[in-house]
N, C-alpha and C. Protein backbone atom coordinates (compact mmCIF):
# COMPACT_ATOMS: atom_id res chain seq x y z
N UNK A 1 0.85 -1.18 0.00
CA UNK A 1 0.00 0.00 0.00
C UNK A 1 0.89 1.24 0.00
N UNK A 2 0.72 2.09 -1.02
CA UNK A 2 1.52 3.30 -1.14
C UNK A 2 0.98 4.42 -0.29
N UNK A 3 1.88 5.31 0.08
CA UNK A 3 1.49 6.46 0.89
C UNK A 3 0.96 7.56 -0.02
N UNK A 4 -0.13 8.17 0.35
CA UNK A 4 -0.73 9.24 -0.44
C UNK A 4 -0.17 10.59 0.02
N UNK A 5 0.08 11.47 -0.93
CA UNK A 5 0.63 12.79 -0.63
C UNK A 5 -0.46 13.85 -0.76
N UNK A 6 -0.80 14.55 0.32
CA UNK A 6 -1.81 15.60 0.24
C UNK A 6 -1.34 16.77 -0.64
N UNK A 7 -2.25 17.30 -1.44
CA UNK A 7 -1.96 18.43 -2.31
C UNK A 7 -2.80 19.64 -1.93
N UNK A 8 -4.02 19.38 -1.43
CA UNK A 8 -4.97 20.44 -1.13
C UNK A 8 -5.75 20.06 0.12
N UNK A 9 -5.98 21.04 0.99
CA UNK A 9 -6.82 20.81 2.17
C UNK A 9 -8.18 21.45 1.92
N UNK A 10 -9.23 20.70 2.13
CA UNK A 10 -10.60 21.18 1.95
C UNK A 10 -11.21 21.40 3.33
N UNK A 11 -11.70 22.61 3.56
CA UNK A 11 -12.36 22.94 4.83
C UNK A 11 -13.76 23.47 4.51
N UNK A 12 -14.76 22.78 5.02
CA UNK A 12 -16.14 23.26 4.90
C UNK A 12 -16.73 23.29 6.31
N UNK A 13 -17.96 23.72 6.41
CA UNK A 13 -18.64 23.74 7.72
C UNK A 13 -18.83 22.33 8.25
N UNK A 14 -18.85 21.35 7.35
CA UNK A 14 -19.12 19.97 7.74
C UNK A 14 -17.87 19.10 7.75
N UNK A 15 -16.96 19.32 6.81
CA UNK A 15 -15.81 18.43 6.65
C UNK A 15 -14.49 19.19 6.66
N UNK A 16 -13.43 18.45 6.95
CA UNK A 16 -12.06 18.95 6.91
C UNK A 16 -11.19 17.76 6.52
N UNK A 17 -10.60 17.81 5.32
CA UNK A 17 -9.82 16.67 4.83
C UNK A 17 -8.83 17.15 3.77
N UNK A 18 -7.90 16.27 3.41
CA UNK A 18 -6.96 16.54 2.33
C UNK A 18 -7.42 15.82 1.07
N UNK A 19 -6.90 16.29 -0.08
CA UNK A 19 -7.05 15.58 -1.34
C UNK A 19 -5.67 15.35 -1.92
N UNK A 20 -5.45 14.18 -2.54
CA UNK A 20 -4.21 13.95 -3.27
C UNK A 20 -4.43 14.34 -4.73
N UNK A 21 -3.43 14.17 -5.59
CA UNK A 21 -3.53 14.59 -6.99
C UNK A 21 -4.63 13.86 -7.75
N UNK A 22 -5.00 12.67 -7.29
CA UNK A 22 -6.06 11.91 -7.95
C UNK A 22 -7.45 12.32 -7.43
N UNK A 23 -7.50 13.22 -6.44
CA UNK A 23 -8.77 13.64 -5.88
C UNK A 23 -9.28 12.72 -4.79
N UNK A 24 -8.41 11.82 -4.30
CA UNK A 24 -8.79 10.89 -3.24
C UNK A 24 -8.72 11.60 -1.89
N UNK A 25 -9.75 11.42 -1.08
CA UNK A 25 -9.78 12.03 0.26
C UNK A 25 -8.77 11.34 1.18
N UNK A 26 -8.08 12.15 1.96
CA UNK A 26 -7.15 11.68 2.98
C UNK A 26 -7.58 12.33 4.29
N UNK A 27 -7.80 11.55 5.34
CA UNK A 27 -8.24 12.16 6.61
C UNK A 27 -7.17 13.06 7.21
N UNK A 28 -7.61 14.05 7.96
CA UNK A 28 -6.70 14.95 8.69
C UNK A 28 -6.13 14.19 9.88
N UNK A 29 -4.83 14.35 10.10
CA UNK A 29 -4.17 13.72 11.24
C UNK A 29 -4.18 14.68 12.42
N UNK A 30 -4.41 14.16 13.60
CA UNK A 30 -4.36 15.01 14.80
C UNK A 30 -2.92 15.26 15.23
N UNK A 31 -1.98 14.50 14.65
CA UNK A 31 -0.57 14.61 15.04
C UNK A 31 0.23 15.56 14.15
N UNK A 32 -0.24 15.75 12.91
CA UNK A 32 0.55 16.52 11.96
C UNK A 32 -0.37 17.30 11.03
N UNK A 33 -0.09 18.58 10.84
CA UNK A 33 -0.83 19.42 9.90
C UNK A 33 0.07 19.68 8.69
N UNK A 34 -0.41 19.32 7.54
CA UNK A 34 0.33 19.55 6.29
C UNK A 34 0.21 21.02 5.90
N UNK A 35 1.33 21.67 5.59
CA UNK A 35 1.34 23.09 5.22
C UNK A 35 1.12 23.22 3.72
N UNK A 36 -0.14 23.13 3.31
CA UNK A 36 -0.49 23.22 1.90
C UNK A 36 -1.67 24.18 1.72
N UNK A 37 -2.00 24.46 0.47
CA UNK A 37 -3.09 25.37 0.16
C UNK A 37 -4.41 24.84 0.72
N UNK A 38 -5.22 25.76 1.25
CA UNK A 38 -6.54 25.42 1.81
C UNK A 38 -7.61 25.97 0.88
N UNK A 39 -8.65 25.17 0.65
CA UNK A 39 -9.78 25.62 -0.16
C UNK A 39 -11.07 25.40 0.62
N UNK A 40 -11.98 26.36 0.51
CA UNK A 40 -13.30 26.25 1.12
C UNK A 40 -14.35 26.36 0.03
N UNK A 41 -15.46 25.67 0.24
CA UNK A 41 -16.53 25.67 -0.74
C UNK A 41 -16.69 24.29 -1.34
N UNK A 42 -17.53 24.19 -2.33
CA UNK A 42 -17.74 22.89 -2.99
C UNK A 42 -17.41 23.02 -4.47
N UNK A 43 -16.94 21.91 -5.04
CA UNK A 43 -16.59 21.90 -6.45
C UNK A 43 -17.85 21.79 -7.29
N UNK A 44 -18.11 22.75 -8.19
CA UNK A 44 -19.31 22.66 -9.02
C UNK A 44 -19.22 21.55 -10.06
N UNK A 45 -17.99 21.17 -10.44
CA UNK A 45 -17.82 20.08 -11.40
C UNK A 45 -16.40 19.52 -11.31
N UNK A 46 -16.17 18.41 -12.00
CA UNK A 46 -14.87 17.73 -11.94
C UNK A 46 -13.76 18.56 -12.57
N UNK A 47 -14.07 19.36 -13.59
CA UNK A 47 -13.04 20.18 -14.24
C UNK A 47 -12.44 21.18 -13.27
N UNK A 48 -13.29 21.84 -12.49
CA UNK A 48 -12.80 22.80 -11.49
C UNK A 48 -11.93 22.07 -10.47
N UNK A 49 -12.39 20.90 -10.03
CA UNK A 49 -11.64 20.11 -9.04
C UNK A 49 -10.27 19.72 -9.59
N UNK A 50 -10.24 19.19 -10.81
CA UNK A 50 -8.98 18.75 -11.43
C UNK A 50 -8.02 19.93 -11.59
N UNK A 51 -8.52 21.06 -12.10
CA UNK A 51 -7.66 22.22 -12.31
C UNK A 51 -7.19 22.83 -10.99
N UNK A 52 -8.04 22.82 -9.98
CA UNK A 52 -7.63 23.35 -8.67
C UNK A 52 -6.56 22.46 -8.04
N UNK A 53 -6.67 21.15 -8.22
CA UNK A 53 -5.64 20.24 -7.70
C UNK A 53 -4.30 20.52 -8.38
N UNK A 54 -4.32 20.73 -9.69
CA UNK A 54 -3.08 21.05 -10.42
C UNK A 54 -2.51 22.39 -9.94
N UNK A 55 -3.40 23.37 -9.76
CA UNK A 55 -2.97 24.68 -9.27
C UNK A 55 -2.38 24.58 -7.87
N UNK A 56 -3.03 23.80 -7.00
CA UNK A 56 -2.53 23.62 -5.62
C UNK A 56 -1.15 22.98 -5.64
N UNK A 57 -0.95 21.98 -6.50
CA UNK A 57 0.35 21.33 -6.61
C UNK A 57 1.41 22.34 -7.05
N UNK A 58 1.07 23.17 -8.01
CA UNK A 58 1.97 24.22 -8.50
C UNK A 58 2.31 25.20 -7.37
N UNK A 59 1.29 25.67 -6.65
CA UNK A 59 1.49 26.62 -5.54
C UNK A 59 2.35 26.01 -4.44
N UNK A 60 2.07 24.76 -4.09
CA UNK A 60 2.81 24.09 -3.01
C UNK A 60 4.29 23.95 -3.33
N UNK A 61 4.64 23.88 -4.61
CA UNK A 61 6.04 23.70 -5.02
C UNK A 61 6.75 25.04 -5.25
N UNK A 62 6.03 26.15 -5.10
CA UNK A 62 6.59 27.47 -5.37
C UNK A 62 6.66 28.26 -4.06
N UNK A 63 7.86 28.57 -3.64
CA UNK A 63 8.07 29.26 -2.36
C UNK A 63 7.35 30.61 -2.30
N UNK A 64 7.36 31.35 -3.40
CA UNK A 64 6.70 32.66 -3.46
C UNK A 64 5.21 32.51 -3.20
N UNK A 65 4.55 31.60 -3.94
CA UNK A 65 3.10 31.45 -3.81
C UNK A 65 2.69 30.82 -2.49
N UNK A 66 3.51 29.92 -1.97
CA UNK A 66 3.20 29.35 -0.64
C UNK A 66 3.18 30.45 0.41
N UNK A 67 4.03 31.45 0.26
CA UNK A 67 4.09 32.55 1.22
C UNK A 67 2.93 33.54 1.02
N UNK A 68 2.39 33.63 -0.18
CA UNK A 68 1.34 34.61 -0.49
C UNK A 68 -0.06 34.06 -0.21
N UNK A 69 -0.36 32.87 -0.73
CA UNK A 69 -1.74 32.36 -0.71
C UNK A 69 -2.06 31.66 0.61
N UNK A 70 -3.07 32.17 1.29
CA UNK A 70 -3.53 31.54 2.53
C UNK A 70 -4.68 30.58 2.27
N UNK A 71 -5.67 31.04 1.51
CA UNK A 71 -6.87 30.23 1.31
C UNK A 71 -7.53 30.59 -0.01
N UNK A 72 -8.22 29.62 -0.58
CA UNK A 72 -8.97 29.80 -1.81
C UNK A 72 -10.43 29.52 -1.51
N UNK A 73 -11.30 30.43 -1.92
CA UNK A 73 -12.74 30.23 -1.77
C UNK A 73 -13.30 29.82 -3.13
N UNK A 74 -13.94 28.65 -3.18
CA UNK A 74 -14.53 28.17 -4.42
C UNK A 74 -15.96 28.69 -4.50
N UNK A 75 -16.24 29.50 -5.51
CA UNK A 75 -17.58 30.06 -5.70
C UNK A 75 -18.48 29.04 -6.40
N UNK A 76 -19.80 29.15 -6.26
CA UNK A 76 -20.72 28.21 -6.92
C UNK A 76 -20.54 28.12 -8.44
N UNK A 77 -20.07 29.22 -9.07
CA UNK A 77 -19.86 29.20 -10.52
C UNK A 77 -18.50 28.64 -10.92
N UNK A 78 -17.71 28.19 -9.93
CA UNK A 78 -16.40 27.60 -10.21
C UNK A 78 -15.26 28.59 -10.21
N UNK A 79 -15.56 29.88 -10.04
CA UNK A 79 -14.49 30.87 -9.96
C UNK A 79 -13.90 30.87 -8.56
N UNK A 80 -12.64 31.29 -8.47
CA UNK A 80 -11.92 31.28 -7.20
C UNK A 80 -11.69 32.70 -6.70
N UNK A 81 -11.78 32.86 -5.39
CA UNK A 81 -11.34 34.07 -4.70
C UNK A 81 -10.18 33.65 -3.83
N UNK A 82 -9.07 34.34 -3.92
CA UNK A 82 -7.89 33.99 -3.13
C UNK A 82 -7.74 35.00 -2.00
N UNK A 83 -7.56 34.47 -0.80
CA UNK A 83 -7.29 35.30 0.37
C UNK A 83 -5.79 35.22 0.63
N UNK A 84 -5.08 36.35 0.51
CA UNK A 84 -3.64 36.32 0.75
C UNK A 84 -3.31 36.27 2.24
N UNK A 85 -2.08 35.82 2.54
CA UNK A 85 -1.61 35.73 3.93
C UNK A 85 -1.55 37.10 4.59
N UNK A 86 -1.15 38.12 3.81
CA UNK A 86 -0.94 39.45 4.35
C UNK A 86 -1.75 40.44 3.52
N UNK A 87 -2.36 41.39 4.18
CA UNK A 87 -3.08 42.44 3.46
C UNK A 87 -4.58 42.31 3.60
N UNK A 88 -5.26 43.38 3.24
CA UNK A 88 -6.71 43.46 3.36
C UNK A 88 -7.31 43.61 1.96
N UNK A 89 -7.10 42.61 1.12
CA UNK A 89 -7.62 42.63 -0.24
C UNK A 89 -7.90 41.19 -0.67
N UNK A 90 -8.68 41.05 -1.73
CA UNK A 90 -8.97 39.73 -2.30
C UNK A 90 -8.41 39.67 -3.71
N UNK A 91 -8.08 38.47 -4.14
CA UNK A 91 -7.65 38.25 -5.51
C UNK A 91 -8.77 37.50 -6.22
N UNK A 92 -9.36 38.16 -7.21
CA UNK A 92 -10.40 37.53 -8.03
C UNK A 92 -9.69 36.75 -9.12
N UNK A 93 -9.62 35.43 -8.93
CA UNK A 93 -8.81 34.60 -9.81
C UNK A 93 -9.57 34.10 -11.03
N UNK A 94 -10.88 34.02 -10.93
CA UNK A 94 -11.64 33.40 -12.01
C UNK A 94 -11.54 31.89 -11.91
N UNK A 95 -11.82 31.21 -13.00
CA UNK A 95 -11.74 29.74 -13.00
C UNK A 95 -10.27 29.33 -13.00
N UNK A 96 -9.97 28.15 -12.44
CA UNK A 96 -8.56 27.76 -12.31
C UNK A 96 -7.89 27.29 -13.60
N UNK A 97 -8.54 27.44 -14.76
CA UNK A 97 -7.85 27.15 -16.01
C UNK A 97 -6.77 28.21 -16.21
N UNK A 98 -5.75 27.90 -16.94
CA UNK A 98 -4.64 28.83 -17.20
C UNK A 98 -4.03 29.40 -15.92
N UNK A 99 -4.02 28.59 -14.86
CA UNK A 99 -3.54 29.08 -13.56
C UNK A 99 -2.08 29.54 -13.62
N UNK A 100 -1.23 28.84 -14.40
CA UNK A 100 0.18 29.24 -14.46
C UNK A 100 0.33 30.63 -15.07
N UNK A 101 -0.41 30.88 -16.14
CA UNK A 101 -0.38 32.19 -16.81
C UNK A 101 -0.89 33.28 -15.87
N UNK A 102 -2.01 33.02 -15.20
CA UNK A 102 -2.58 34.00 -14.28
C UNK A 102 -1.64 34.28 -13.11
N UNK A 103 -1.03 33.23 -12.57
CA UNK A 103 -0.10 33.41 -11.45
C UNK A 103 1.16 34.15 -11.89
N UNK A 104 1.60 33.91 -13.13
CA UNK A 104 2.78 34.62 -13.64
C UNK A 104 2.47 36.13 -13.76
N UNK A 105 1.28 36.46 -14.29
CA UNK A 105 0.89 37.88 -14.38
C UNK A 105 0.75 38.51 -13.00
N UNK A 106 0.16 37.78 -12.09
CA UNK A 106 -0.03 38.28 -10.73
C UNK A 106 1.31 38.47 -10.02
N UNK A 107 2.24 37.56 -10.26
CA UNK A 107 3.57 37.68 -9.65
C UNK A 107 4.27 38.94 -10.13
N UNK A 108 4.09 39.27 -11.42
CA UNK A 108 4.70 40.49 -11.96
C UNK A 108 4.14 41.72 -11.25
N UNK A 109 2.84 41.72 -10.94
CA UNK A 109 2.23 42.84 -10.21
C UNK A 109 2.85 42.95 -8.82
N UNK A 110 2.99 41.81 -8.14
CA UNK A 110 3.60 41.83 -6.80
C UNK A 110 5.03 42.35 -6.85
N UNK A 111 5.80 41.88 -7.83
CA UNK A 111 7.23 42.21 -7.86
C UNK A 111 7.52 43.58 -8.45
N UNK A 112 6.69 44.04 -9.39
CA UNK A 112 6.97 45.31 -10.06
C UNK A 112 6.01 46.42 -9.63
N UNK A 113 4.72 46.16 -9.67
CA UNK A 113 3.74 47.19 -9.34
C UNK A 113 3.67 47.51 -7.87
N UNK A 114 3.56 46.49 -7.03
CA UNK A 114 3.42 46.71 -5.59
C UNK A 114 4.70 47.21 -4.96
N UNK A 115 5.82 46.97 -5.61
CA UNK A 115 7.10 47.43 -5.07
C UNK A 115 7.08 48.96 -4.93
N UNK A 116 6.43 49.62 -5.89
CA UNK A 116 6.37 51.09 -5.88
C UNK A 116 5.12 51.63 -5.19
N UNK A 117 3.98 50.97 -5.41
CA UNK A 117 2.71 51.51 -4.91
C UNK A 117 2.25 50.90 -3.59
N UNK A 118 2.60 49.65 -3.35
CA UNK A 118 2.14 48.96 -2.15
C UNK A 118 0.77 48.34 -2.38
N UNK A 119 0.55 47.15 -1.82
CA UNK A 119 -0.71 46.43 -2.03
C UNK A 119 -1.82 46.92 -1.13
N UNK A 120 -1.49 47.71 -0.10
CA UNK A 120 -2.51 48.15 0.87
C UNK A 120 -3.44 49.24 0.32
N UNK A 121 -3.21 49.71 -0.89
CA UNK A 121 -4.08 50.72 -1.50
C UNK A 121 -5.25 50.10 -2.26
N UNK A 122 -5.30 48.77 -2.33
CA UNK A 122 -6.29 48.10 -3.16
C UNK A 122 -7.21 47.19 -2.35
N UNK A 123 -8.46 47.08 -2.79
CA UNK A 123 -9.40 46.16 -2.14
C UNK A 123 -9.53 44.87 -2.93
N UNK A 124 -9.19 44.92 -4.22
CA UNK A 124 -9.28 43.71 -5.04
C UNK A 124 -8.29 43.78 -6.20
N UNK A 125 -7.79 42.61 -6.55
CA UNK A 125 -6.94 42.44 -7.72
C UNK A 125 -7.57 41.32 -8.52
N UNK A 126 -7.83 41.57 -9.79
CA UNK A 126 -8.48 40.56 -10.61
C UNK A 126 -7.58 40.10 -11.75
N UNK A 127 -7.46 38.78 -11.88
CA UNK A 127 -6.76 38.19 -13.02
C UNK A 127 -7.72 37.27 -13.78
N UNK A 128 -9.02 37.46 -13.55
CA UNK A 128 -9.99 36.55 -14.16
C UNK A 128 -10.22 36.84 -15.64
N UNK A 129 -9.86 38.03 -16.11
CA UNK A 129 -9.99 38.36 -17.53
C UNK A 129 -8.68 38.07 -18.25
N UNK A 130 -8.79 37.53 -19.44
CA UNK A 130 -7.60 37.11 -20.18
C UNK A 130 -6.69 38.30 -20.48
N UNK A 131 -5.40 38.11 -20.22
CA UNK A 131 -4.34 39.09 -20.51
C UNK A 131 -4.52 40.42 -19.78
N UNK A 132 -5.21 40.40 -18.63
CA UNK A 132 -5.40 41.63 -17.87
C UNK A 132 -5.21 41.39 -16.38
N UNK A 133 -4.66 42.37 -15.71
CA UNK A 133 -4.66 42.41 -14.26
C UNK A 133 -5.34 43.73 -13.90
N UNK A 134 -6.48 43.63 -13.21
CA UNK A 134 -7.26 44.82 -12.87
C UNK A 134 -7.21 45.01 -11.35
N UNK A 135 -6.74 46.17 -10.93
CA UNK A 135 -6.67 46.49 -9.50
C UNK A 135 -7.75 47.52 -9.17
N UNK A 136 -8.51 47.25 -8.11
CA UNK A 136 -9.57 48.16 -7.66
C UNK A 136 -9.11 48.84 -6.38
N UNK A 137 -9.05 50.18 -6.42
CA UNK A 137 -8.60 50.94 -5.25
C UNK A 137 -9.64 50.89 -4.14
N UNK A 138 -9.16 51.07 -2.91
CA UNK A 138 -10.05 51.11 -1.74
C UNK A 138 -10.87 52.38 -1.75
């Protein structure tokens, strides 16, 4: 029997468990908490689940994104809202397709735009539209 590796933690009002890359549930251990991306909400379909698992695996392997992303809220329409570890703003991610492209654009905003302006001036950052990063001021 092989050991399963958690990729994503799912927290709802009813359940709290991990998922591996195949989408198999893994129970939470009382002895050890895995430091991985957390998602709340329910998957509207298998495509959103599959893409979010791939995105979580990508985030977990990237030191920058592990430090930025605290939690992902799955909306009923399959779009994601990301709650960052630091700051008082939300990231409107859209559907988890093209997650690498969206994260690359978002990383450029963090490294180039926020370096000069600071992220605390915004209430929302959206990467849900193709080839655009839209920042909404507070």
